[in-house]
PDB file of N, CA and C in Angstrom:
ATOM      1  N   MET A   1      -1.929 -57.165 -19.806  1.00  0.00           N
ATOM      2  CA  MET A   1      -2.458 -56.341 -20.878  1.00  0.00           C
ATOM      3  C   MET A   1      -1.546 -56.506 -22.079  1.00  0.00           C
ATOM      4  N   SER A   2      -2.106 -56.712 -23.242  1.00  0.00           N
ATOM      5  CA  SER A   2      -1.322 -56.866 -24.465  1.00  0.00           C
ATOM      6  C   SER A   2      -0.950 -55.503 -25.007  1.00  0.00           C
ATOM      7  N   PRO A   3       0.083 -55.422 -25.866  1.00  0.00           N
ATOM      8  CA  PRO A   3       0.477 -54.134 -26.433  1.00  0.00           C
ATOM      9  C   PRO A   3      -0.659 -53.431 -27.167  1.00  0.00           C
ATOM     10  N   SER A   4      -1.553 -54.191 -27.801  1.00  0.00           N
ATOM     11  CA  SER A   4      -2.669 -53.552 -28.506  1.00  0.00           C
ATOM     12  C   SER A   4      -3.631 -52.889 -27.530  1.00  0.00           C
ATOM     13  N   ASP A   5      -3.774 -53.453 -26.334  1.00  0.00           N
ATOM     14  CA  ASP A   5      -4.628 -52.841 -25.324  1.00  0.00           C
ATOM     15  C   ASP A   5      -4.039 -51.523 -24.840  1.00  0.00           C
ATOM     16  N   GLU A   6      -2.710 -51.446 -24.718  1.00  0.00           N
ATOM     17  CA  GLU A   6      -2.068 -50.244 -24.223  1.00  0.00           C
ATOM     18  C   GLU A   6      -2.357 -49.051 -25.110  1.00  0.00           C
ATOM     19  N   SER A   7      -2.519 -49.255 -26.409  1.00  0.00           N
ATOM     20  CA  SER A   7      -2.787 -48.137 -27.305  1.00  0.00           C
ATOM     21  C   SER A   7      -4.179 -47.554 -27.065  1.00  0.00           C
ATOM     22  N   ASP A   8      -5.056 -48.297 -26.400  1.00  0.00           N
ATOM     23  CA  ASP A   8      -6.390 -47.805 -26.099  1.00  0.00           C
ATOM     24  C   ASP A   8      -6.392 -46.810 -24.943  1.00  0.00           C
ATOM     25  N   VAL A   9      -5.319 -46.784 -24.151  1.00  0.00           N
ATOM     26  CA  VAL A   9      -5.274 -45.952 -22.968  1.00  0.00           C
ATOM     27  C   VAL A   9      -4.449 -44.712 -23.266  1.00  0.00           C
ATOM     28  N   ASP A  10      -5.083 -43.548 -23.227  1.00  0.00           N
ATOM     29  CA  ASP A  10      -4.391 -42.285 -23.435  1.00  0.00           C
ATOM     30  C   ASP A  10      -3.705 -41.861 -22.146  1.00  0.00           C
ATOM     31  N   ILE A  11      -2.645 -41.093 -22.291  1.00  0.00           N
ATOM     32  CA  ILE A  11      -1.998 -40.506 -21.117  1.00  0.00           C
ATOM     33  C   ILE A  11      -3.060 -39.664 -20.398  1.00  0.00           C
ATOM     34  N   GLY A  12      -3.103 -39.761 -19.098  1.00  0.00           N
ATOM     35  CA  GLY A  12      -4.059 -38.975 -18.339  1.00  0.00           C
ATOM     36  C   GLY A  12      -5.361 -39.692 -18.055  1.00  0.00           C
ATOM     37  N   GLN A  13      -5.529 -40.872 -18.591  1.00  0.00           N
ATOM     38  CA  GLN A  13      -6.748 -41.631 -18.280  1.00  0.00           C
ATOM     39  C   GLN A  13      -6.521 -42.450 -17.029  1.00  0.00           C
ATOM     40  N   LEU A  14      -7.562 -42.580 -16.242  1.00  0.00           N
ATOM     41  CA  LEU A  14      -7.528 -43.494 -15.110  1.00  0.00           C
ATOM     42  C   LEU A  14      -8.049 -44.839 -15.586  1.00  0.00           C
ATOM     43  N   ARG A  15      -7.375 -45.882 -15.188  1.00  0.00           N
ATOM     44  CA  ARG A  15      -7.792 -47.239 -15.539  1.00  0.00           C
ATOM     45  C   ARG A  15      -8.728 -47.737 -14.441  1.00  0.00           C
ATOM     46  N   ILE A  16      -9.952 -48.096 -14.833  1.00  0.00           N
ATOM     47  CA  ILE A  16     -10.968 -48.581 -13.892  1.00  0.00           C
ATOM     48  C   ILE A  16     -11.217 -50.051 -14.160  1.00  0.00           C
ATOM     49  N   ILE A  17     -11.108 -50.858 -13.121  1.00  0.00           N
ATOM     50  CA  ILE A  17     -11.342 -52.292 -13.230  1.00  0.00           C
ATOM     51  C   ILE A  17     -12.726 -52.595 -12.669  1.00  0.00           C
ATOM     52  N   LEU A  18     -13.547 -53.226 -13.473  1.00  0.00           N
ATOM     53  CA  LEU A  18     -14.898 -53.617 -13.057  1.00  0.00           C
ATOM     54  C   LEU A  18     -14.905 -55.116 -12.790  1.00  0.00           C
ATOM     55  N   PHE A  19     -15.392 -55.492 -11.635  1.00  0.00           N
ATOM     56  CA  PHE A  19     -15.514 -56.897 -11.244  1.00  0.00           C
ATOM     57  C   PHE A  19     -16.992 -57.214 -11.164  1.00  0.00           C
ATOM     58  N   GLY A  20     -17.507 -57.892 -12.174  1.00  0.00           N
ATOM     59  CA  GLY A  20     -18.941 -58.145 -12.239  1.00  0.00           C
ATOM     60  C   GLY A  20     -19.684 -56.823 -12.333  1.00  0.00           C
ATOM     61  N   SER A  21     -20.867 -56.756 -11.769  1.00  0.00           N
ATOM     62  CA  SER A  21     -21.638 -55.512 -11.784  1.00  0.00           C
ATOM     63  C   SER A  21     -21.726 -54.890 -10.400  1.00  0.00           C
ATOM     64  N   GLN A  22     -20.952 -55.439  -9.446  1.00  0.00           N
ATOM     65  CA  GLN A  22     -21.089 -54.996  -8.062  1.00  0.00           C
ATOM     66  C   GLN A  22     -19.818 -54.404  -7.448  1.00  0.00           C
ATOM     67  N   PHE A  23     -18.710 -54.270  -8.219  1.00  0.00           N
ATOM     68  CA  PHE A  23     -17.481 -53.733  -7.650  1.00  0.00           C
ATOM     69  C   PHE A  23     -16.654 -53.053  -8.723  1.00  0.00           C
ATOM     70  N   ALA A  24     -16.138 -51.869  -8.417  1.00  0.00           N
ATOM     71  CA  ALA A  24     -15.267 -51.123  -9.327  1.00  0.00           C
ATOM     72  C   ALA A  24     -14.118 -50.535  -8.511  1.00  0.00           C
ATOM     73  N   ALA A  25     -12.919 -50.567  -9.089  1.00  0.00           N
ATOM     74  CA  ALA A  25     -11.745 -50.038  -8.402  1.00  0.00           C
ATOM     75  C   ALA A  25     -10.841 -49.326  -9.395  1.00  0.00           C
ATOM     76  N   VAL A  26     -10.087 -48.369  -8.876  1.00  0.00           N
ATOM     77  CA  VAL A  26      -9.120 -47.639  -9.692  1.00  0.00           C
ATOM     78  C   VAL A  26      -7.813 -48.414  -9.689  1.00  0.00           C
ATOM     79  N   ASP A  27      -7.237 -48.611 -10.867  1.00  0.00           N
ATOM     80  CA  ASP A  27      -5.939 -49.265 -11.010  1.00  0.00           C
ATOM     81  C   ASP A  27      -4.935 -48.187 -11.416  1.00  0.00           C
ATOM     82  N   ASP A  28      -4.602 -47.315 -10.471  1.00  0.00           N
ATOM     83  CA  ASP A  28      -3.723 -46.183 -10.722  1.00  0.00           C
ATOM     84  C   ASP A  28      -2.986 -45.879  -9.425  1.00  0.00           C
ATOM     85  N   ALA A  29      -1.682 -45.689  -9.497  1.00  0.00           N
ATOM     86  CA  ALA A  29      -0.872 -45.497  -8.294  1.00  0.00           C
ATOM     87  C   ALA A  29      -1.337 -44.310  -7.450  1.00  0.00           C
ATOM     88  N   GLU A  30      -1.775 -43.222  -8.082  1.00  0.00           N
ATOM     89  CA  GLU A  30      -2.179 -42.036  -7.336  1.00  0.00           C
ATOM     90  C   GLU A  30      -3.534 -42.200  -6.658  1.00  0.00           C
ATOM     91  N   ALA A  31      -4.368 -43.080  -7.168  1.00  0.00           N
ATOM     92  CA  ALA A  31      -5.722 -43.234  -6.622  1.00  0.00           C
ATOM     93  C   ALA A  31      -5.931 -44.621  -6.020  1.00  0.00           C
ATOM     94  N   THR A  32      -4.851 -45.295  -5.658  1.00  0.00           N
ATOM     95  CA  THR A  32      -4.949 -46.624  -5.073  1.00  0.00           C
ATOM     96  C   THR A  32      -5.840 -46.585  -3.838  1.00  0.00           C
ATOM     97  N   GLY A  33      -6.687 -47.561  -3.731  1.00  0.00           N
ATOM     98  CA  GLY A  33      -7.558 -47.667  -2.564  1.00  0.00           C
ATOM     99  C   GLY A  33      -8.934 -47.063  -2.762  1.00  0.00           C
ATOM    100  N   ILE A  34      -9.151 -46.387  -3.877  1.00  0.00           N
ATOM    101  CA  ILE A  34     -10.481 -45.841  -4.136  1.00  0.00           C
ATOM    102  C   ILE A  34     -11.279 -46.890  -4.885  1.00  0.00           C
ATOM    103  N   SER A  35     -12.366 -47.317  -4.286  1.00  0.00           N
ATOM    104  CA  SER A  35     -13.209 -48.348  -4.894  1.00  0.00           C
ATOM    105  C   SER A  35     -14.649 -48.127  -4.452  1.00  0.00           C
ATOM    106  N   ALA A  36     -15.546 -48.892  -5.049  1.00  0.00           N
ATOM    107  CA  ALA A  36     -16.963 -48.823  -4.683  1.00  0.00           C
ATOM    108  C   ALA A  36     -17.594 -50.182  -4.937  1.00  0.00           C
ATOM    109  N   SER A  37     -18.587 -50.519  -4.137  1.00  0.00           N
ATOM    110  CA  SER A  37     -19.278 -51.797  -4.336  1.00  0.00           C
ATOM    111  C   SER A  37     -20.782 -51.584  -4.270  1.00  0.00           C
ATOM    112  N   GLY A  38     -21.495 -52.567  -4.784  1.00  0.00           N
ATOM    113  CA  GLY A  38     -22.941 -52.522  -4.781  1.00  0.00           C
ATOM    114  C   GLY A  38     -23.500 -52.023  -6.094  1.00  0.00           C
ATOM    115  N   PRO A  39     -24.819 -51.955  -6.186  1.00  0.00           N
ATOM    116  CA  PRO A  39     -25.452 -51.433  -7.400  1.00  0.00           C
ATOM    117  C   PRO A  39     -24.966 -50.004  -7.659  1.00  0.00           C
ATOM    118  N   GLY A  40     -24.697 -49.692  -8.889  1.00  0.00           N
ATOM    119  CA  GLY A  40     -24.224 -48.354  -9.224  1.00  0.00           C
ATOM    120  C   GLY A  40     -22.791 -48.095  -8.795  1.00  0.00           C
ATOM    121  N   CYS A  41     -21.966 -49.158  -8.746  1.00  0.00           N
ATOM    122  CA  CYS A  41     -20.598 -49.002  -8.244  1.00  0.00           C
ATOM    123  C   CYS A  41     -19.757 -48.053  -9.100  1.00  0.00           C
ATOM    124  N   LEU A  42     -19.928 -48.047 -10.417  1.00  0.00           N
ATOM    125  CA  LEU A  42     -19.158 -47.130 -11.261  1.00  0.00           C
ATOM    126  C   LEU A  42     -19.567 -45.683 -10.976  1.00  0.00           C
ATOM    127  N   GLN A  43     -20.844 -45.450 -10.800  1.00  0.00           N
ATOM    128  CA  GLN A  43     -21.330 -44.108 -10.459  1.00  0.00           C
ATOM    129  C   GLN A  43     -20.746 -43.655  -9.122  1.00  0.00           C
ATOM    130  N   MET A  44     -20.785 -44.516  -8.125  1.00  0.00           N
ATOM    131  CA  MET A  44     -20.258 -44.180  -6.803  1.00  0.00           C
ATOM    132  C   MET A  44     -18.747 -43.949  -6.870  1.00  0.00           C
ATOM    133  N   LEU A  45     -18.042 -44.759  -7.631  1.00  0.00           N
ATOM    134  CA  LEU A  45     -16.607 -44.582  -7.782  1.00  0.00           C
ATOM    135  C   LEU A  45     -16.301 -43.220  -8.411  1.00  0.00           C
ATOM    136  N   ALA A  46     -17.054 -42.855  -9.435  1.00  0.00           N
ATOM    137  CA  ALA A  46     -16.860 -41.558 -10.087  1.00  0.00           C
ATOM    138  C   ALA A  46     -17.106 -40.413  -9.104  1.00  0.00           C
ATOM    139  N   LEU A  47     -18.143 -40.517  -8.309  1.00  0.00           N
ATOM    140  CA  LEU A  47     -18.434 -39.487  -7.311  1.00  0.00           C
ATOM    141  C   LEU A  47     -17.311 -39.384  -6.271  1.00  0.00           C
ATOM    142  N   ARG A  48     -16.775 -40.518  -5.861  1.00  0.00           N
ATOM    143  CA  ARG A  48     -15.667 -40.518  -4.895  1.00  0.00           C
ATOM    144  C   ARG A  48     -14.409 -39.893  -5.497  1.00  0.00           C
ATOM    145  N   LEU A  49     -14.147 -40.186  -6.760  1.00  0.00           N
ATOM    146  CA  LEU A  49     -12.974 -39.602  -7.412  1.00  0.00           C
ATOM    147  C   LEU A  49     -13.106 -38.083  -7.521  1.00  0.00           C
ATOM    148  N   MET A  50     -14.289 -37.606  -7.873  1.00  0.00           N
ATOM    149  CA  MET A  50     -14.493 -36.160  -7.948  1.00  0.00           C
ATOM    150  C   MET A  50     -14.372 -35.528  -6.564  1.00  0.00           C
ATOM    151  N   ALA A  51     -14.874 -36.194  -5.539  1.00  0.00           N
ATOM    152  CA  ALA A  51     -14.751 -35.686  -4.173  1.00  0.00           C
ATOM    153  C   ALA A  51     -13.287 -35.662  -3.722  1.00  0.00           C
ATOM    154  N   SER A  52     -12.462 -36.512  -4.341  1.00  0.00           N
ATOM    155  CA  SER A  52     -11.029 -36.553  -4.030  1.00  0.00           C
ATOM    156  C   SER A  52     -10.233 -35.520  -4.814  1.00  0.00           C
ATOM    157  N   GLY A  53     -10.914 -34.757  -5.670  1.00  0.00           N
ATOM    158  CA  GLY A  53     -10.238 -33.691  -6.385  1.00  0.00           C
ATOM    159  C   GLY A  53     -10.025 -33.899  -7.870  1.00  0.00           C
ATOM    160  N   TYR A  54     -10.439 -35.045  -8.402  1.00  0.00           N
ATOM    161  CA  TYR A  54     -10.310 -35.271  -9.847  1.00  0.00           C
ATOM    162  C   TYR A  54     -11.354 -34.434 -10.578  1.00  0.00           C
ATOM    163  N   PRO A  55     -10.985 -33.845 -11.726  1.00  0.00           N
ATOM    164  CA  PRO A  55     -11.926 -32.994 -12.464  1.00  0.00           C
ATOM    165  C   PRO A  55     -13.015 -33.820 -13.165  1.00  0.00           C
ATOM    166  N   PRO A  56     -14.196 -33.256 -13.343  1.00  0.00           N
ATOM    167  CA  PRO A  56     -15.288 -33.968 -14.014  1.00  0.00           C
ATOM    168  C   PRO A  56     -14.936 -34.440 -15.428  1.00  0.00           C
ATOM    169  N   GLU A  57     -14.024 -33.743 -16.102  1.00  0.00           N
ATOM    170  CA  GLU A  57     -13.653 -34.135 -17.469  1.00  0.00           C
ATOM    171  C   GLU A  57     -12.561 -35.214 -17.509  1.00  0.00           C
ATOM    172  N   GLN A  58     -12.145 -35.717 -16.338  1.00  0.00           N
ATOM    173  CA  GLN A  58     -11.130 -36.774 -16.272  1.00  0.00           C
ATOM    174  C   GLN A  58     -11.589 -37.981 -17.083  1.00  0.00           C
ATOM    175  N   SER A  59     -10.712 -38.474 -17.944  1.00  0.00           N
ATOM    176  CA  SER A  59     -11.021 -39.644 -18.773  1.00  0.00           C
ATOM    177  C   SER A  59     -10.841 -40.923 -17.972  1.00  0.00           C
ATOM    178  N   LEU A  60     -11.735 -41.871 -18.210  1.00  0.00           N
ATOM    179  CA  LEU A  60     -11.675 -43.191 -17.590  1.00  0.00           C
ATOM    180  C   LEU A  60     -11.598 -44.243 -18.682  1.00  0.00           C
ATOM    181  N   SER A  61     -10.736 -45.208 -18.499  1.00  0.00           N
ATOM    182  CA  SER A  61     -10.644 -46.343 -19.405  1.00  0.00           C
ATOM    183  C   SER A  61     -11.134 -47.559 -18.625  1.00  0.00           C
ATOM    184  N   LEU A  62     -12.190 -48.202 -19.100  1.00  0.00           N
ATOM    185  CA  LEU A  62     -12.873 -49.267 -18.360  1.00  0.00           C
ATOM    186  C   LEU A  62     -12.425 -50.648 -18.822  1.00  0.00           C
ATOM    187  N   TYR A  63     -12.170 -51.526 -17.842  1.00  0.00           N
ATOM    188  CA  TYR A  63     -11.734 -52.892 -18.122  1.00  0.00           C
ATOM    189  C   TYR A  63     -12.576 -53.870 -17.325  1.00  0.00           C
ATOM    190  N   ARG A  64     -12.863 -54.997 -17.938  1.00  0.00           N
ATOM    191  CA  ARG A  64     -13.547 -56.105 -17.266  1.00  0.00           C
ATOM    192  C   ARG A  64     -12.903 -57.386 -17.771  1.00  0.00           C
ATOM    193  N   ASN A  65     -12.555 -58.282 -16.863  1.00  0.00           N
ATOM    194  CA  ASN A  65     -11.913 -59.551 -17.218  1.00  0.00           C
ATOM    195  C   ASN A  65     -10.664 -59.345 -18.069  1.00  0.00           C
ATOM    196  N   GLY A  66      -9.904 -58.286 -17.783  1.00  0.00           N
ATOM    197  CA  GLY A  66      -8.666 -58.018 -18.495  1.00  0.00           C
ATOM    198  C   GLY A  66      -8.828 -57.425 -19.881  1.00  0.00           C
ATOM    199  N   GLN A  67     -10.064 -57.148 -20.286  1.00  0.00           N
ATOM    200  CA  GLN A  67     -10.308 -56.603 -21.618  1.00  0.00           C
ATOM    201  C   GLN A  67     -10.841 -55.184 -21.528  1.00  0.00           C
ATOM    202  N   HIS A  68     -10.346 -54.334 -22.417  1.00  0.00           N
ATOM    203  CA  HIS A  68     -10.819 -52.955 -22.492  1.00  0.00           C
ATOM    204  C   HIS A  68     -12.252 -52.975 -23.011  1.00  0.00           C
ATOM    205  N   ILE A  69     -13.175 -52.358 -22.275  1.00  0.00           N
ATOM    206  CA  ILE A  69     -14.581 -52.387 -22.694  1.00  0.00           C
ATOM    207  C   ILE A  69     -15.134 -51.017 -23.044  1.00  0.00           C
ATOM    208  N   GLY A  70     -14.343 -49.969 -22.844  1.00  0.00           N
ATOM    209  CA  GLY A  70     -14.828 -48.658 -23.230  1.00  0.00           C
ATOM    210  C   GLY A  70     -14.151 -47.529 -22.495  1.00  0.00           C
ATOM    211  N   LYS A  71     -14.548 -46.324 -22.871  1.00  0.00           N
ATOM    212  CA  LYS A  71     -14.036 -45.100 -22.256  1.00  0.00           C
ATOM    213  C   LYS A  71     -15.213 -44.211 -21.883  1.00  0.00           C
ATOM    214  N   THR A  72     -15.002 -43.392 -20.871  1.00  0.00           N
ATOM    215  CA  THR A  72     -15.998 -42.418 -20.453  1.00  0.00           C
ATOM    216  C   THR A  72     -15.289 -41.317 -19.681  1.00  0.00           C
ATOM    217  N   THR A  73     -16.030 -40.410 -19.135  1.00  0.00           N
ATOM    218  CA  THR A  73     -15.467 -39.373 -18.266  1.00  0.00           C
ATOM    219  C   THR A  73     -16.099 -39.502 -16.888  1.00  0.00           C
ATOM    220  N   LEU A  74     -15.474 -38.861 -15.920  1.00  0.00           N
ATOM    221  CA  LEU A  74     -16.037 -38.894 -14.564  1.00  0.00           C
ATOM    222  C   LEU A  74     -17.443 -38.332 -14.534  1.00  0.00           C
ATOM    223  N   SER A  75     -17.657 -37.205 -15.223  1.00  0.00           N
ATOM    224  CA  SER A  75     -18.992 -36.589 -15.166  1.00  0.00           C
ATOM    225  C   SER A  75     -20.058 -37.490 -15.769  1.00  0.00           C
ATOM    226  N   THR A  76     -19.734 -38.174 -16.856  1.00  0.00           N
ATOM    227  CA  THR A  76     -20.691 -39.102 -17.464  1.00  0.00           C
ATOM    228  C   THR A  76     -20.950 -40.294 -16.551  1.00  0.00           C
ATOM    229  N   ALA A  77     -19.878 -40.865 -15.995  1.00  0.00           N
ATOM    230  CA  ALA A  77     -20.026 -42.017 -15.102  1.00  0.00           C
ATOM    231  C   ALA A  77     -20.808 -41.646 -13.844  1.00  0.00           C
ATOM    232  N   ALA A  78     -20.637 -40.434 -13.348  1.00  0.00           N
ATOM    233  CA  ALA A  78     -21.328 -40.009 -12.130  1.00  0.00           C
ATOM    234  C   ALA A  78     -22.834 -39.869 -12.342  1.00  0.00           C
ATOM    235  N   LYS A  79     -23.251 -39.709 -13.573  1.00  0.00           N
ATOM    236  CA  LYS A  79     -24.685 -39.559 -13.882  1.00  0.00           C
ATOM    237  C   LYS A  79     -25.386 -40.882 -14.120  1.00  0.00           C
ATOM    238  N   ARG A  80     -24.620 -41.964 -14.269  1.00  0.00           N
ATOM    239  CA  ARG A  80     -25.203 -43.288 -14.527  1.00  0.00           C
ATOM    240  C   ARG A  80     -25.883 -43.809 -13.280  1.00  0.00           C
ATOM    241  N   SER A  81     -26.933 -44.567 -13.492  1.00  0.00           N
ATOM    242  CA  SER A  81     -27.625 -45.169 -12.337  1.00  0.00           C
ATOM    243  C   SER A  81     -27.288 -46.637 -12.181  1.00  0.00           C
ATOM    244  N   THR A  82     -26.496 -47.207 -13.122  1.00  0.00           N
ATOM    245  CA  THR A  82     -26.091 -48.619 -13.007  1.00  0.00           C
ATOM    246  C   THR A  82     -24.612 -48.759 -13.121  1.00  0.00           C
TER     247      THR A  82
END
């Protein structure tokens, strides 16, 4: 990650790595091992994180191919169907 990418991530955000459209994983020491695969993997990952105790307003910073692609919250991601 370049220094300019680091400024995109606020303290308290979970870094989510998306691999294609079929796999999402958390890149955070406290949530290591939480991942989801298949259609709707980001939605499933968000639901798993909330079931693990993360609040719905938790910020997520999304990355694909090493590039920051956006931000969302757990509650928003949990409502997505893709």
